[in-house]
């Protein structure tokens, strides 16, 4: 005889609470990375704490540790986020099409410089973290920043090689070292912006000088 306490067909238990929101984890990680970027840049990495990051993001410390096992791990993600923003600025300025003339090349160089300066002015903490703060933390981060510069160099070298093949940049141009030089020319402008001294007039004059130096220093005979 069947026990009166056992039903022949077990009914599934009703689930309580709301179903997981799609994409919530990814949005939370991004929120924490953006908060860490702001906190690390304003307070300094060594002085900042996970508690500071959690407070900035409006969450508990446990939420931060749910996504990142340590402050150092969080810093790695912050650096990746910052680097990607800089690379996006270069890609957007260059567009997806190769220039077909010296005039188009000049316009794209100007666009790249202006996009980078717009990024610096919109998010000075991000650039401060990458250019100033990260280099003082450890050798691993220094190596990663060298890798960023090499990535930018290879992007621009490929860009310059196209100009050499088309004949409107100088034949025999060492595109790799020319690209390194282009990167270094951006640094004084970055520092000008970080000091809050890049007025619209100063920025325009700096970009004009930068573009002229780059373009006319590599111009071909045509």
N, C-alpha and C. Protein backbone atom coordinates (compact mmCIF):
# COMPACT_ATOMS: atom_id res chain seq x y z
N UNK A 1 0.85 -1.19 0.00
CA UNK A 1 0.00 0.00 0.00
C UNK A 1 0.89 1.25 0.00
N UNK A 2 0.51 2.17 -0.85
CA UNK A 2 1.34 3.39 -0.98
C UNK A 2 1.16 4.28 0.22
N UNK A 3 2.25 4.84 0.66
CA UNK A 3 2.20 5.76 1.81
C UNK A 3 1.41 6.98 1.45
N UNK A 4 0.56 7.47 2.33
CA UNK A 4 -0.24 8.67 2.03
C UNK A 4 0.60 9.93 1.93
N UNK A 5 1.85 9.83 2.39
CA UNK A 5 2.72 11.03 2.36
C UNK A 5 3.52 11.14 1.06
N UNK A 6 3.44 10.11 0.20
CA UNK A 6 4.23 10.11 -1.04
C UNK A 6 3.31 10.21 -2.22
N UNK A 7 3.52 11.19 -3.06
CA UNK A 7 2.70 11.36 -4.25
C UNK A 7 3.31 10.59 -5.40
N UNK A 8 2.51 10.10 -6.28
CA UNK A 8 3.02 9.35 -7.42
C UNK A 8 3.82 10.22 -8.37
N UNK A 9 3.48 11.48 -8.50
CA UNK A 9 4.18 12.40 -9.40
C UNK A 9 4.67 13.59 -8.59
N UNK A 10 6.01 13.72 -8.49
CA UNK A 10 6.60 14.82 -7.71
C UNK A 10 6.44 16.12 -8.46
N UNK A 11 5.96 17.14 -7.82
CA UNK A 11 5.80 18.44 -8.44
C UNK A 11 7.08 19.26 -8.27
N UNK A 12 7.56 19.88 -9.36
CA UNK A 12 8.78 20.71 -9.23
C UNK A 12 8.53 21.90 -8.34
N UNK A 13 9.54 22.24 -7.59
CA UNK A 13 9.43 23.40 -6.71
C UNK A 13 9.48 24.69 -7.52
N UNK A 14 8.65 25.60 -7.14
CA UNK A 14 8.63 26.90 -7.83
C UNK A 14 9.92 27.66 -7.51
N UNK A 15 10.51 28.29 -8.54
CA UNK A 15 11.73 29.09 -8.33
C UNK A 15 11.35 30.45 -7.78
N UNK A 16 12.10 30.88 -6.83
CA UNK A 16 11.83 32.16 -6.20
C UNK A 16 12.75 33.23 -6.77
N UNK A 17 12.30 34.46 -6.71
CA UNK A 17 13.12 35.59 -7.14
C UNK A 17 13.08 35.79 -8.64
N UNK A 18 13.72 36.88 -9.08
CA UNK A 18 13.75 37.19 -10.50
C UNK A 18 14.79 36.35 -11.22
N UNK A 19 14.56 36.03 -12.49
CA UNK A 19 15.57 35.29 -13.24
C UNK A 19 16.80 36.17 -13.45
N UNK A 20 17.98 35.56 -13.63
CA UNK A 20 19.20 36.36 -13.83
C UNK A 20 19.06 37.29 -15.03
N UNK A 21 19.47 38.53 -14.85
CA UNK A 21 19.39 39.51 -15.94
C UNK A 21 20.51 39.25 -16.94
N UNK A 22 20.15 39.12 -18.21
CA UNK A 22 21.14 38.80 -19.23
C UNK A 22 22.17 39.92 -19.36
N UNK A 23 23.42 39.54 -19.35
CA UNK A 23 24.50 40.52 -19.49
C UNK A 23 24.85 41.27 -18.23
N UNK A 24 24.21 40.93 -17.11
CA UNK A 24 24.45 41.67 -15.87
C UNK A 24 25.90 41.53 -15.41
N UNK A 25 26.45 40.31 -15.48
CA UNK A 25 27.82 40.08 -15.01
C UNK A 25 28.82 40.92 -15.79
N UNK A 26 28.64 40.98 -17.11
CA UNK A 26 29.57 41.75 -17.93
C UNK A 26 29.46 43.24 -17.63
N UNK A 27 28.24 43.72 -17.44
CA UNK A 27 28.06 45.14 -17.11
C UNK A 27 28.64 45.46 -15.74
N UNK A 28 28.50 44.54 -14.80
CA UNK A 28 29.05 44.76 -13.47
C UNK A 28 30.58 44.81 -13.51
N UNK A 29 31.18 43.90 -14.27
CA UNK A 29 32.65 43.90 -14.40
C UNK A 29 33.11 45.23 -14.99
N UNK A 30 32.42 45.69 -16.01
CA UNK A 30 32.81 46.95 -16.66
C UNK A 30 32.66 48.12 -15.69
N UNK A 31 31.59 48.11 -14.91
CA UNK A 31 31.37 49.16 -13.92
C UNK A 31 32.51 49.19 -12.91
N UNK A 32 32.92 48.02 -12.44
CA UNK A 32 33.99 47.95 -11.44
C UNK A 32 35.33 48.39 -12.04
N UNK A 33 35.58 48.02 -13.28
CA UNK A 33 36.83 48.42 -13.94
C UNK A 33 36.87 49.94 -14.11
N UNK A 34 35.76 50.53 -14.53
CA UNK A 34 35.72 51.99 -14.71
C UNK A 34 35.89 52.71 -13.36
N UNK A 35 35.28 52.17 -12.31
CA UNK A 35 35.45 52.77 -10.99
C UNK A 35 36.89 52.64 -10.52
N UNK A 36 37.50 51.48 -10.74
CA UNK A 36 38.90 51.27 -10.34
C UNK A 36 39.82 52.21 -11.10
N UNK A 37 39.54 52.44 -12.37
CA UNK A 37 40.35 53.35 -13.17
C UNK A 37 40.33 54.75 -12.55
N UNK A 38 39.14 55.21 -12.18
CA UNK A 38 39.02 56.55 -11.59
C UNK A 38 39.69 56.61 -10.22
N UNK A 39 39.51 55.59 -9.40
CA UNK A 39 40.08 55.57 -8.05
C UNK A 39 41.60 55.45 -8.09
N UNK A 40 42.12 54.54 -8.90
CA UNK A 40 43.57 54.36 -8.99
C UNK A 40 44.26 55.61 -9.49
N UNK A 41 43.64 56.29 -10.45
CA UNK A 41 44.26 57.48 -11.02
C UNK A 41 44.21 58.66 -10.04
N UNK A 42 43.11 58.80 -9.30
CA UNK A 42 42.97 59.96 -8.40
C UNK A 42 43.72 59.77 -7.09
N UNK A 43 43.71 58.56 -6.53
CA UNK A 43 44.34 58.31 -5.23
C UNK A 43 45.74 57.71 -5.36
N UNK A 44 46.05 57.13 -6.53
CA UNK A 44 47.29 56.38 -6.68
C UNK A 44 47.01 54.92 -6.37
N UNK A 45 47.62 54.03 -7.14
CA UNK A 45 47.33 52.60 -6.98
C UNK A 45 47.66 52.10 -5.58
N UNK A 46 48.82 52.48 -5.06
CA UNK A 46 49.25 51.97 -3.75
C UNK A 46 48.33 52.45 -2.63
N UNK A 47 47.88 53.69 -2.71
CA UNK A 47 47.03 54.24 -1.65
C UNK A 47 45.58 53.78 -1.75
N UNK A 48 45.16 53.42 -2.94
CA UNK A 48 43.76 53.02 -3.13
C UNK A 48 43.52 51.63 -2.58
N UNK A 49 42.28 51.35 -2.21
CA UNK A 49 41.92 50.05 -1.66
C UNK A 49 40.69 49.51 -2.39
N UNK A 50 40.45 48.22 -2.21
CA UNK A 50 39.25 47.61 -2.77
C UNK A 50 38.01 48.30 -2.21
N UNK A 51 38.08 48.70 -0.94
CA UNK A 51 36.97 49.42 -0.32
C UNK A 51 36.67 50.71 -1.05
N UNK A 52 37.72 51.43 -1.47
CA UNK A 52 37.53 52.67 -2.22
C UNK A 52 36.83 52.40 -3.55
N UNK A 53 37.26 51.34 -4.22
CA UNK A 53 36.65 50.98 -5.51
C UNK A 53 35.19 50.62 -5.32
N UNK A 54 34.90 49.82 -4.30
CA UNK A 54 33.52 49.41 -4.03
C UNK A 54 32.64 50.62 -3.73
N UNK A 55 33.17 51.54 -2.94
CA UNK A 55 32.39 52.74 -2.59
C UNK A 55 32.11 53.58 -3.83
N UNK A 56 33.10 53.72 -4.69
CA UNK A 56 32.92 54.50 -5.92
C UNK A 56 31.87 53.86 -6.81
N UNK A 57 31.86 52.51 -6.86
CA UNK A 57 30.91 51.80 -7.70
C UNK A 57 29.53 51.64 -7.06
N UNK A 58 29.45 51.95 -5.75
CA UNK A 58 28.18 51.82 -5.05
C UNK A 58 27.80 50.38 -4.74
N UNK A 59 28.82 49.53 -4.50
CA UNK A 59 28.57 48.13 -4.17
C UNK A 59 29.38 47.76 -2.94
N UNK A 60 29.17 46.55 -2.42
CA UNK A 60 29.95 46.07 -1.30
C UNK A 60 31.28 45.48 -1.75
N UNK A 61 32.24 45.36 -0.82
CA UNK A 61 33.54 44.79 -1.16
C UNK A 61 33.41 43.36 -1.69
N UNK A 62 32.45 42.62 -1.14
CA UNK A 62 32.26 41.24 -1.58
C UNK A 62 31.93 41.15 -3.05
N UNK A 63 31.22 42.14 -3.58
CA UNK A 63 30.90 42.15 -5.01
C UNK A 63 32.16 42.31 -5.85
N UNK A 64 33.07 43.16 -5.38
CA UNK A 64 34.33 43.34 -6.12
C UNK A 64 35.11 42.03 -6.15
N UNK A 65 35.22 41.36 -5.00
CA UNK A 65 35.98 40.11 -4.94
C UNK A 65 35.28 38.98 -5.68
N UNK A 66 34.00 39.12 -5.93
CA UNK A 66 33.30 38.09 -6.70
C UNK A 66 33.78 38.08 -8.15
N UNK A 67 34.24 39.24 -8.63
CA UNK A 67 34.67 39.36 -10.02
C UNK A 67 36.18 39.43 -10.19
N UNK A 68 36.87 39.90 -9.16
CA UNK A 68 38.33 40.06 -9.25
C UNK A 68 38.96 39.57 -7.95
N UNK A 69 39.94 38.68 -8.07
CA UNK A 69 40.47 38.04 -6.87
C UNK A 69 41.38 38.94 -6.05
N UNK A 70 41.90 40.01 -6.65
CA UNK A 70 42.80 40.90 -5.91
C UNK A 70 42.83 42.28 -6.57
N UNK A 71 43.43 43.23 -5.86
CA UNK A 71 43.57 44.57 -6.42
C UNK A 71 44.48 44.55 -7.64
N UNK A 72 45.50 43.71 -7.59
CA UNK A 72 46.44 43.63 -8.72
C UNK A 72 45.76 43.05 -9.97
N UNK A 73 44.90 42.06 -9.78
CA UNK A 73 44.14 41.51 -10.91
C UNK A 73 43.23 42.57 -11.50
N UNK A 74 42.61 43.35 -10.63
CA UNK A 74 41.75 44.43 -11.09
C UNK A 74 42.54 45.45 -11.89
N UNK A 75 43.76 45.74 -11.46
CA UNK A 75 44.60 46.69 -12.18
C UNK A 75 44.90 46.20 -13.59
N UNK A 76 45.14 44.90 -13.76
CA UNK A 76 45.37 44.36 -15.10
C UNK A 76 44.19 44.64 -16.03
N UNK A 77 42.99 44.46 -15.51
CA UNK A 77 41.80 44.72 -16.32
C UNK A 77 41.63 46.21 -16.59
N UNK A 78 42.00 47.03 -15.63
CA UNK A 78 41.94 48.48 -15.82
C UNK A 78 42.88 48.90 -16.94
N UNK A 79 44.08 48.34 -16.94
CA UNK A 79 45.05 48.68 -17.98
C UNK A 79 44.56 48.24 -19.34
N UNK A 80 44.00 47.02 -19.42
CA UNK A 80 43.46 46.53 -20.70
C UNK A 80 42.37 47.47 -21.20
N UNK A 81 41.50 47.90 -20.30
CA UNK A 81 40.41 48.82 -20.67
C UNK A 81 40.98 50.15 -21.19
N UNK A 82 41.98 50.67 -20.51
CA UNK A 82 42.57 51.95 -20.89
C UNK A 82 43.27 51.86 -22.23
N UNK A 83 44.01 50.79 -22.43
CA UNK A 83 44.73 50.60 -23.70
C UNK A 83 43.76 50.48 -24.85
N UNK A 84 42.68 49.75 -24.66
CA UNK A 84 41.70 49.57 -25.72
C UNK A 84 41.06 50.90 -26.11
N UNK A 85 40.83 51.77 -25.12
CA UNK A 85 40.27 53.08 -25.43
C UNK A 85 41.23 53.89 -26.31
N UNK A 86 42.52 53.82 -26.02
CA UNK A 86 43.50 54.55 -26.81
C UNK A 86 43.59 54.00 -28.23
N UNK A 87 43.60 52.67 -28.36
CA UNK A 87 43.67 52.05 -29.69
C UNK A 87 42.42 52.38 -30.50
N UNK A 88 41.27 52.43 -29.84
CA UNK A 88 40.03 52.78 -30.54
C UNK A 88 40.10 54.19 -31.09
N UNK A 89 40.72 55.09 -30.32
CA UNK A 89 40.85 56.47 -30.78
C UNK A 89 41.69 56.54 -32.06
N UNK A 90 42.76 55.74 -32.11
CA UNK A 90 43.61 55.71 -33.30
C UNK A 90 42.86 55.10 -34.48
N UNK A 91 42.17 53.98 -34.22
CA UNK A 91 41.43 53.31 -35.31
C UNK A 91 40.34 54.23 -35.86
N UNK A 92 39.64 54.93 -34.98
CA UNK A 92 38.56 55.81 -35.41
C UNK A 92 39.11 56.97 -36.23
N UNK A 93 40.25 57.51 -35.79
CA UNK A 93 40.84 58.62 -36.52
C UNK A 93 41.33 58.23 -37.89
N UNK A 94 41.88 57.02 -38.01
CA UNK A 94 42.43 56.57 -39.28
C UNK A 94 41.35 56.09 -40.24
N UNK A 95 40.18 55.73 -39.70
CA UNK A 95 39.08 55.12 -40.45
C UNK A 95 39.51 53.77 -40.99
N UNK A 96 38.57 53.08 -41.64
CA UNK A 96 38.86 51.74 -42.15
C UNK A 96 39.45 51.77 -43.56
N UNK A 97 39.48 52.94 -44.19
CA UNK A 97 39.98 53.04 -45.55
C UNK A 97 41.38 53.63 -45.58
N UNK A 98 42.22 53.05 -46.44
CA UNK A 98 43.56 53.60 -46.62
C UNK A 98 43.45 54.91 -47.39
N UNK A 99 44.31 55.89 -47.06
CA UNK A 99 44.29 57.14 -47.83
C UNK A 99 44.76 56.90 -49.26
N UNK A 100 44.24 57.68 -50.19
CA UNK A 100 44.60 57.53 -51.60
C UNK A 100 45.45 58.69 -52.11
N UNK A 101 45.79 59.62 -51.24
CA UNK A 101 46.60 60.77 -51.65
C UNK A 101 47.27 61.35 -50.42
N UNK A 102 48.24 62.21 -50.66
CA UNK A 102 48.91 62.88 -49.55
C UNK A 102 47.92 63.73 -48.76
N UNK A 103 46.97 64.33 -49.46
CA UNK A 103 45.97 65.15 -48.78
C UNK A 103 45.12 64.30 -47.82
N UNK A 104 44.73 63.11 -48.27
CA UNK A 104 43.93 62.24 -47.41
C UNK A 104 44.77 61.73 -46.23
N UNK A 105 46.04 61.44 -46.49
CA UNK A 105 46.93 61.01 -45.41
C UNK A 105 47.05 62.11 -44.37
N UNK A 106 47.25 63.36 -44.83
CA UNK A 106 47.37 64.49 -43.92
C UNK A 106 46.10 64.65 -43.07
N UNK A 107 44.95 64.51 -43.71
CA UNK A 107 43.68 64.65 -42.99
C UNK A 107 43.52 63.56 -41.94
N UNK A 108 43.97 62.33 -42.25
CA UNK A 108 43.83 61.24 -41.29
C UNK A 108 44.82 61.38 -40.13
N UNK A 109 46.03 61.84 -40.40
CA UNK A 109 46.98 62.10 -39.31
C UNK A 109 46.40 63.14 -38.36
N UNK A 110 45.81 64.18 -38.92
CA UNK A 110 45.18 65.22 -38.10
C UNK A 110 44.03 64.63 -37.28
N UNK A 111 43.24 63.77 -37.90
CA UNK A 111 42.10 63.17 -37.21
C UNK A 111 42.56 62.29 -36.06
N UNK A 112 43.64 61.51 -36.28
CA UNK A 112 44.17 60.65 -35.21
C UNK A 112 44.62 61.50 -34.02
N UNK A 113 45.38 62.56 -34.31
CA UNK A 113 45.87 63.43 -33.23
C UNK A 113 44.70 64.06 -32.47
N UNK A 114 43.71 64.54 -33.19
CA UNK A 114 42.58 65.19 -32.54
C UNK A 114 41.77 64.20 -31.70
N UNK A 115 41.60 62.97 -32.20
CA UNK A 115 40.87 61.95 -31.43
C UNK A 115 41.59 61.63 -30.12
N UNK A 116 42.91 61.52 -30.19
CA UNK A 116 43.67 61.23 -28.98
C UNK A 116 43.56 62.37 -27.97
N UNK A 117 43.63 63.60 -28.44
CA UNK A 117 43.51 64.73 -27.53
C UNK A 117 42.11 64.83 -26.94
N UNK A 118 41.10 64.48 -27.73
CA UNK A 118 39.73 64.47 -27.21
C UNK A 118 39.59 63.45 -26.09
N UNK A 119 40.24 62.29 -26.26
CA UNK A 119 40.20 61.25 -25.23
C UNK A 119 40.88 61.73 -23.96
N UNK A 120 42.03 62.38 -24.10
CA UNK A 120 42.77 62.88 -22.94
C UNK A 120 41.95 63.92 -22.18
N UNK A 121 41.33 64.82 -22.93
CA UNK A 121 40.56 65.89 -22.29
C UNK A 121 39.28 65.35 -21.65
N UNK A 122 38.69 64.32 -22.26
CA UNK A 122 37.46 63.74 -21.71
C UNK A 122 37.74 62.86 -20.50
N UNK A 123 38.87 62.14 -20.53
CA UNK A 123 39.20 61.20 -19.46
C UNK A 123 40.68 61.34 -19.06
N UNK A 124 41.06 62.45 -18.45
CA UNK A 124 42.46 62.64 -18.07
C UNK A 124 42.95 61.60 -17.08
N UNK A 125 42.06 61.08 -16.21
CA UNK A 125 42.47 60.06 -15.26
C UNK A 125 42.95 58.80 -15.95
N UNK A 126 42.30 58.47 -17.07
CA UNK A 126 42.67 57.26 -17.80
C UNK A 126 44.10 57.38 -18.33
N UNK A 127 44.43 58.50 -18.94
CA UNK A 127 45.77 58.69 -19.50
C UNK A 127 46.80 58.81 -18.38
N UNK A 128 46.44 59.48 -17.30
CA UNK A 128 47.35 59.59 -16.16
C UNK A 128 47.71 58.21 -15.63
N UNK A 129 46.72 57.34 -15.57
CA UNK A 129 46.96 56.00 -15.06
C UNK A 129 47.90 55.22 -15.97
N UNK A 130 47.69 55.31 -17.28
CA UNK A 130 48.51 54.56 -18.23
C UNK A 130 49.91 55.13 -18.34
N UNK A 131 50.01 56.44 -18.50
CA UNK A 131 51.30 57.07 -18.79
C UNK A 131 52.15 57.29 -17.55
N UNK A 132 51.51 57.61 -16.41
CA UNK A 132 52.25 57.98 -15.21
C UNK A 132 52.22 56.90 -14.14
N UNK A 133 51.03 56.49 -13.74
CA UNK A 133 50.88 55.62 -12.58
C UNK A 133 51.39 54.20 -12.83
N UNK A 134 50.98 53.59 -13.95
CA UNK A 134 51.28 52.18 -14.19
C UNK A 134 52.78 51.91 -14.31
N UNK A 135 53.53 52.86 -14.86
CA UNK A 135 54.96 52.64 -15.06
C UNK A 135 55.73 52.54 -13.75
N UNK A 136 55.13 53.02 -12.65
CA UNK A 136 55.83 53.02 -11.36
C UNK A 136 55.47 51.82 -10.49
N UNK A 137 54.64 50.91 -10.99
CA UNK A 137 54.14 49.83 -10.14
C UNK A 137 55.04 48.60 -10.17
N UNK A 138 55.26 48.02 -11.34
CA UNK A 138 56.16 46.88 -11.40
C UNK A 138 56.64 46.65 -12.84
N UNK A 139 57.62 45.76 -13.00
CA UNK A 139 58.22 45.53 -14.31
C UNK A 139 57.24 44.91 -15.30
N UNK A 140 56.32 44.11 -14.79
CA UNK A 140 55.35 43.48 -15.69
C UNK A 140 54.49 44.53 -16.39
N UNK A 141 54.04 45.52 -15.63
CA UNK A 141 53.23 46.57 -16.24
C UNK A 141 54.06 47.43 -17.19
N UNK A 142 55.32 47.68 -16.83
CA UNK A 142 56.19 48.43 -17.74
C UNK A 142 56.31 47.70 -19.07
N UNK A 143 56.47 46.37 -19.00
CA UNK A 143 56.59 45.58 -20.22
C UNK A 143 55.31 45.65 -21.05
N UNK A 144 54.17 45.66 -20.38
CA UNK A 144 52.90 45.74 -21.10
C UNK A 144 52.73 47.09 -21.78
N UNK A 145 53.23 48.15 -21.14
CA UNK A 145 53.14 49.47 -21.75
C UNK A 145 54.08 49.60 -22.94
N UNK A 146 55.24 48.94 -22.84
CA UNK A 146 56.13 48.88 -24.00
C UNK A 146 55.42 48.15 -25.14
N UNK A 147 54.68 47.10 -24.79
CA UNK A 147 53.91 46.37 -25.79
C UNK A 147 52.86 47.25 -26.44
N UNK A 148 52.23 48.14 -25.66
CA UNK A 148 51.25 49.07 -26.22
C UNK A 148 51.91 49.99 -27.23
N UNK A 149 53.07 50.53 -26.87
CA UNK A 149 53.77 51.42 -27.80
C UNK A 149 54.16 50.68 -29.07
N UNK A 150 54.57 49.42 -28.94
CA UNK A 150 54.92 48.63 -30.12
C UNK A 150 53.69 48.37 -30.99
N UNK A 151 52.53 48.15 -30.35
CA UNK A 151 51.30 47.95 -31.11
C UNK A 151 50.94 49.19 -31.91
N UNK A 152 51.02 50.36 -31.26
CA UNK A 152 50.75 51.61 -31.95
C UNK A 152 51.74 51.83 -33.09
N UNK A 153 52.99 51.47 -32.83
CA UNK A 153 54.03 51.64 -33.85
C UNK A 153 53.75 50.78 -35.07
N UNK A 154 53.37 49.52 -34.86
CA UNK A 154 53.10 48.63 -35.98
C UNK A 154 51.88 49.09 -36.77
N UNK A 155 50.87 49.61 -36.08
CA UNK A 155 49.69 50.14 -36.77
C UNK A 155 50.08 51.29 -37.68
N UNK A 156 50.87 52.23 -37.15
CA UNK A 156 51.26 53.39 -37.93
C UNK A 156 52.28 53.04 -39.01
N UNK A 157 53.17 52.07 -38.73
CA UNK A 157 54.16 51.67 -39.74
C UNK A 157 53.48 51.09 -40.97
N UNK A 158 52.44 50.27 -40.73
CA UNK A 158 51.68 49.72 -41.86
C UNK A 158 51.02 50.84 -42.65
N UNK A 159 50.55 51.82 -41.95
CA UNK A 159 49.92 52.99 -42.55
C UNK A 159 50.92 53.76 -43.43
N UNK A 160 52.13 53.95 -42.89
CA UNK A 160 53.17 54.67 -43.63
C UNK A 160 53.67 53.87 -44.84
N UNK A 161 53.79 52.56 -44.68
CA UNK A 161 54.22 51.72 -45.80
C UNK A 161 53.30 51.87 -47.00
N UNK A 162 52.02 51.99 -46.73
CA UNK A 162 51.06 52.21 -47.81
C UNK A 162 51.38 53.50 -48.55
N UNK A 163 51.72 54.55 -47.82
CA UNK A 163 52.06 55.82 -48.44
C UNK A 163 53.33 55.74 -49.28
N UNK A 164 54.29 54.95 -48.82
CA UNK A 164 55.53 54.78 -49.58
C UNK A 164 55.23 54.06 -50.89
N UNK A 165 54.41 52.99 -50.83
CA UNK A 165 54.07 52.24 -52.04
C UNK A 165 53.31 53.10 -53.05
N UNK A 166 52.48 54.01 -52.53
CA UNK A 166 51.71 54.88 -53.41
C UNK A 166 52.57 56.00 -54.01
N UNK A 167 53.72 56.26 -53.38
CA UNK A 167 54.64 57.25 -53.94
C UNK A 167 54.51 58.65 -53.38
N UNK A 168 53.56 58.87 -52.45
CA UNK A 168 53.44 60.22 -51.90
C UNK A 168 54.12 60.37 -50.56
N UNK A 169 54.79 59.30 -50.08
CA UNK A 169 55.75 59.43 -48.99
C UNK A 169 57.11 59.01 -49.52
N UNK A 170 58.15 59.50 -48.89
CA UNK A 170 59.51 59.35 -49.38
C UNK A 170 59.92 57.89 -49.54
N UNK A 171 60.48 57.55 -50.69
CA UNK A 171 60.98 56.22 -50.94
C UNK A 171 62.16 55.92 -50.01
N UNK A 172 62.20 54.71 -49.46
CA UNK A 172 63.26 54.35 -48.53
C UNK A 172 62.98 54.77 -47.10
N UNK A 173 61.79 55.31 -46.83
CA UNK A 173 61.43 55.72 -45.47
C UNK A 173 61.44 54.51 -44.54
N UNK A 174 62.12 54.63 -43.41
CA UNK A 174 62.11 53.57 -42.40
C UNK A 174 60.81 53.74 -41.59
N UNK A 175 59.78 53.04 -42.02
CA UNK A 175 58.45 53.28 -41.46
C UNK A 175 58.37 52.95 -39.98
N UNK A 176 59.11 51.94 -39.53
CA UNK A 176 59.03 51.55 -38.13
C UNK A 176 59.56 52.65 -37.22
N UNK A 177 60.75 53.18 -37.56
CA UNK A 177 61.31 54.22 -36.72
C UNK A 177 60.57 55.54 -36.89
N UNK A 178 60.03 55.78 -38.08
CA UNK A 178 59.21 56.97 -38.28
C UNK A 178 57.96 56.90 -37.41
N UNK A 179 57.38 55.71 -37.28
CA UNK A 179 56.20 55.53 -36.44
C UNK A 179 56.55 55.73 -34.97
N UNK A 180 57.72 55.22 -34.53
CA UNK A 180 58.17 55.48 -33.16
C UNK A 180 58.28 56.99 -32.91
N UNK A 181 58.83 57.71 -33.88
CA UNK A 181 58.99 59.16 -33.74
C UNK A 181 57.64 59.85 -33.65
N UNK A 182 56.67 59.38 -34.43
CA UNK A 182 55.32 59.96 -34.38
C UNK A 182 54.72 59.78 -32.99
N UNK A 183 54.91 58.59 -32.40
CA UNK A 183 54.39 58.35 -31.05
C UNK A 183 55.02 59.30 -30.04
N UNK A 184 56.32 59.48 -30.15
CA UNK A 184 57.02 60.33 -29.18
C UNK A 184 56.59 61.80 -29.31
N UNK A 185 56.22 62.21 -30.49
CA UNK A 185 55.78 63.59 -30.68
C UNK A 185 54.45 63.88 -29.99
N UNK A 186 53.70 62.83 -29.68
CA UNK A 186 52.42 63.01 -29.00
C UNK A 186 52.59 63.29 -27.51
N UNK A 187 53.71 62.83 -26.93
CA UNK A 187 53.88 62.90 -25.48
C UNK A 187 53.81 64.33 -24.93
N UNK A 188 54.51 65.32 -25.53
CA UNK A 188 54.39 66.69 -24.98
C UNK A 188 52.96 67.20 -24.98
N UNK A 189 52.20 66.84 -26.00
CA UNK A 189 50.81 67.25 -26.05
C UNK A 189 49.99 66.59 -24.96
N UNK A 190 50.28 65.30 -24.69
CA UNK A 190 49.59 64.60 -23.59
C UNK A 190 49.85 65.32 -22.26
N UNK A 191 51.11 65.66 -22.02
CA UNK A 191 51.46 66.32 -20.76
C UNK A 191 50.80 67.69 -20.66
N UNK A 192 50.71 68.38 -21.78
CA UNK A 192 50.05 69.69 -21.79
C UNK A 192 48.59 69.54 -21.37
N UNK A 193 47.94 68.49 -21.90
CA UNK A 193 46.54 68.25 -21.55
C UNK A 193 46.39 67.82 -20.10
N UNK A 194 47.29 66.96 -19.62
CA UNK A 194 47.21 66.48 -18.25
C UNK A 194 47.40 67.60 -17.24
N UNK A 195 48.19 68.62 -17.61
CA UNK A 195 48.39 69.77 -16.72
C UNK A 195 47.24 70.76 -16.79
N UNK A 196 46.28 70.49 -17.67
CA UNK A 196 45.14 71.38 -17.81
C UNK A 196 45.46 72.65 -18.58
N UNK A 197 46.53 72.62 -19.38
CA UNK A 197 46.97 73.81 -20.10
C UNK A 197 46.62 73.79 -21.57
N UNK A 198 45.89 72.76 -22.01
CA UNK A 198 45.58 72.61 -23.43
C UNK A 198 44.29 73.35 -23.77
N UNK A 199 44.39 74.66 -23.89
CA UNK A 199 43.24 75.45 -24.33
C UNK A 199 42.94 75.09 -25.79
N UNK A 200 41.73 75.36 -26.28
CA UNK A 200 41.43 75.05 -27.69
C UNK A 200 42.45 75.65 -28.66
N UNK A 201 42.89 76.89 -28.39
CA UNK A 201 43.87 77.53 -29.28
C UNK A 201 45.21 76.80 -29.23
N UNK A 202 45.68 76.48 -28.04
CA UNK A 202 46.96 75.78 -27.91
C UNK A 202 46.90 74.39 -28.55
N UNK A 203 45.78 73.70 -28.33
CA UNK A 203 45.66 72.37 -28.92
C UNK A 203 45.68 72.44 -30.43
N UNK A 204 44.97 73.41 -31.00
CA UNK A 204 44.93 73.56 -32.46
C UNK A 204 46.33 73.84 -33.01
N UNK A 205 47.08 74.73 -32.33
CA UNK A 205 48.43 75.05 -32.79
C UNK A 205 49.35 73.84 -32.67
N UNK A 206 49.19 73.07 -31.59
CA UNK A 206 50.03 71.89 -31.41
C UNK A 206 49.74 70.86 -32.50
N UNK A 207 48.46 70.61 -32.78
CA UNK A 207 48.10 69.63 -33.81
C UNK A 207 48.61 70.09 -35.17
N UNK A 208 48.49 71.39 -35.47
CA UNK A 208 48.99 71.92 -36.74
C UNK A 208 50.50 71.66 -36.88
N UNK A 209 51.24 71.97 -35.83
CA UNK A 209 52.69 71.77 -35.86
C UNK A 209 53.03 70.29 -35.98
N UNK A 210 52.30 69.45 -35.25
CA UNK A 210 52.54 68.01 -35.29
C UNK A 210 52.31 67.45 -36.68
N UNK A 211 51.18 67.81 -37.29
CA UNK A 211 50.85 67.30 -38.62
C UNK A 211 51.86 67.78 -39.65
N UNK A 212 52.22 69.05 -39.60
CA UNK A 212 53.20 69.59 -40.55
C UNK A 212 54.54 68.90 -40.42
N UNK A 213 54.99 68.68 -39.20
CA UNK A 213 56.27 68.03 -38.96
C UNK A 213 56.28 66.61 -39.52
N UNK A 214 55.19 65.90 -39.27
CA UNK A 214 55.11 64.51 -39.71
C UNK A 214 55.00 64.43 -41.25
N UNK A 215 54.06 65.17 -41.80
CA UNK A 215 53.78 65.06 -43.23
C UNK A 215 54.93 65.57 -44.07
N UNK A 216 55.39 66.76 -43.81
CA UNK A 216 56.42 67.34 -44.67
C UNK A 216 57.80 66.74 -44.42
N UNK A 217 57.97 66.10 -43.25
CA UNK A 217 59.22 65.41 -43.00
C UNK A 217 59.33 64.08 -43.75
N UNK A 218 58.19 63.54 -44.20
CA UNK A 218 58.19 62.26 -44.90
C UNK A 218 57.69 62.34 -46.33
N UNK A 219 57.44 63.53 -46.78
CA UNK A 219 56.83 63.72 -48.10
C UNK A 219 57.74 63.26 -49.23
N UNK A 220 57.13 62.64 -50.23
CA UNK A 220 57.89 62.18 -51.40
C UNK A 220 58.07 63.29 -52.41
N UNK A 221 58.78 63.00 -53.52
CA UNK A 221 59.07 64.03 -54.52
C UNK A 221 57.84 64.57 -55.22
N UNK A 222 56.74 63.78 -55.22
CA UNK A 222 55.54 64.28 -55.90
C UNK A 222 54.70 65.15 -54.97
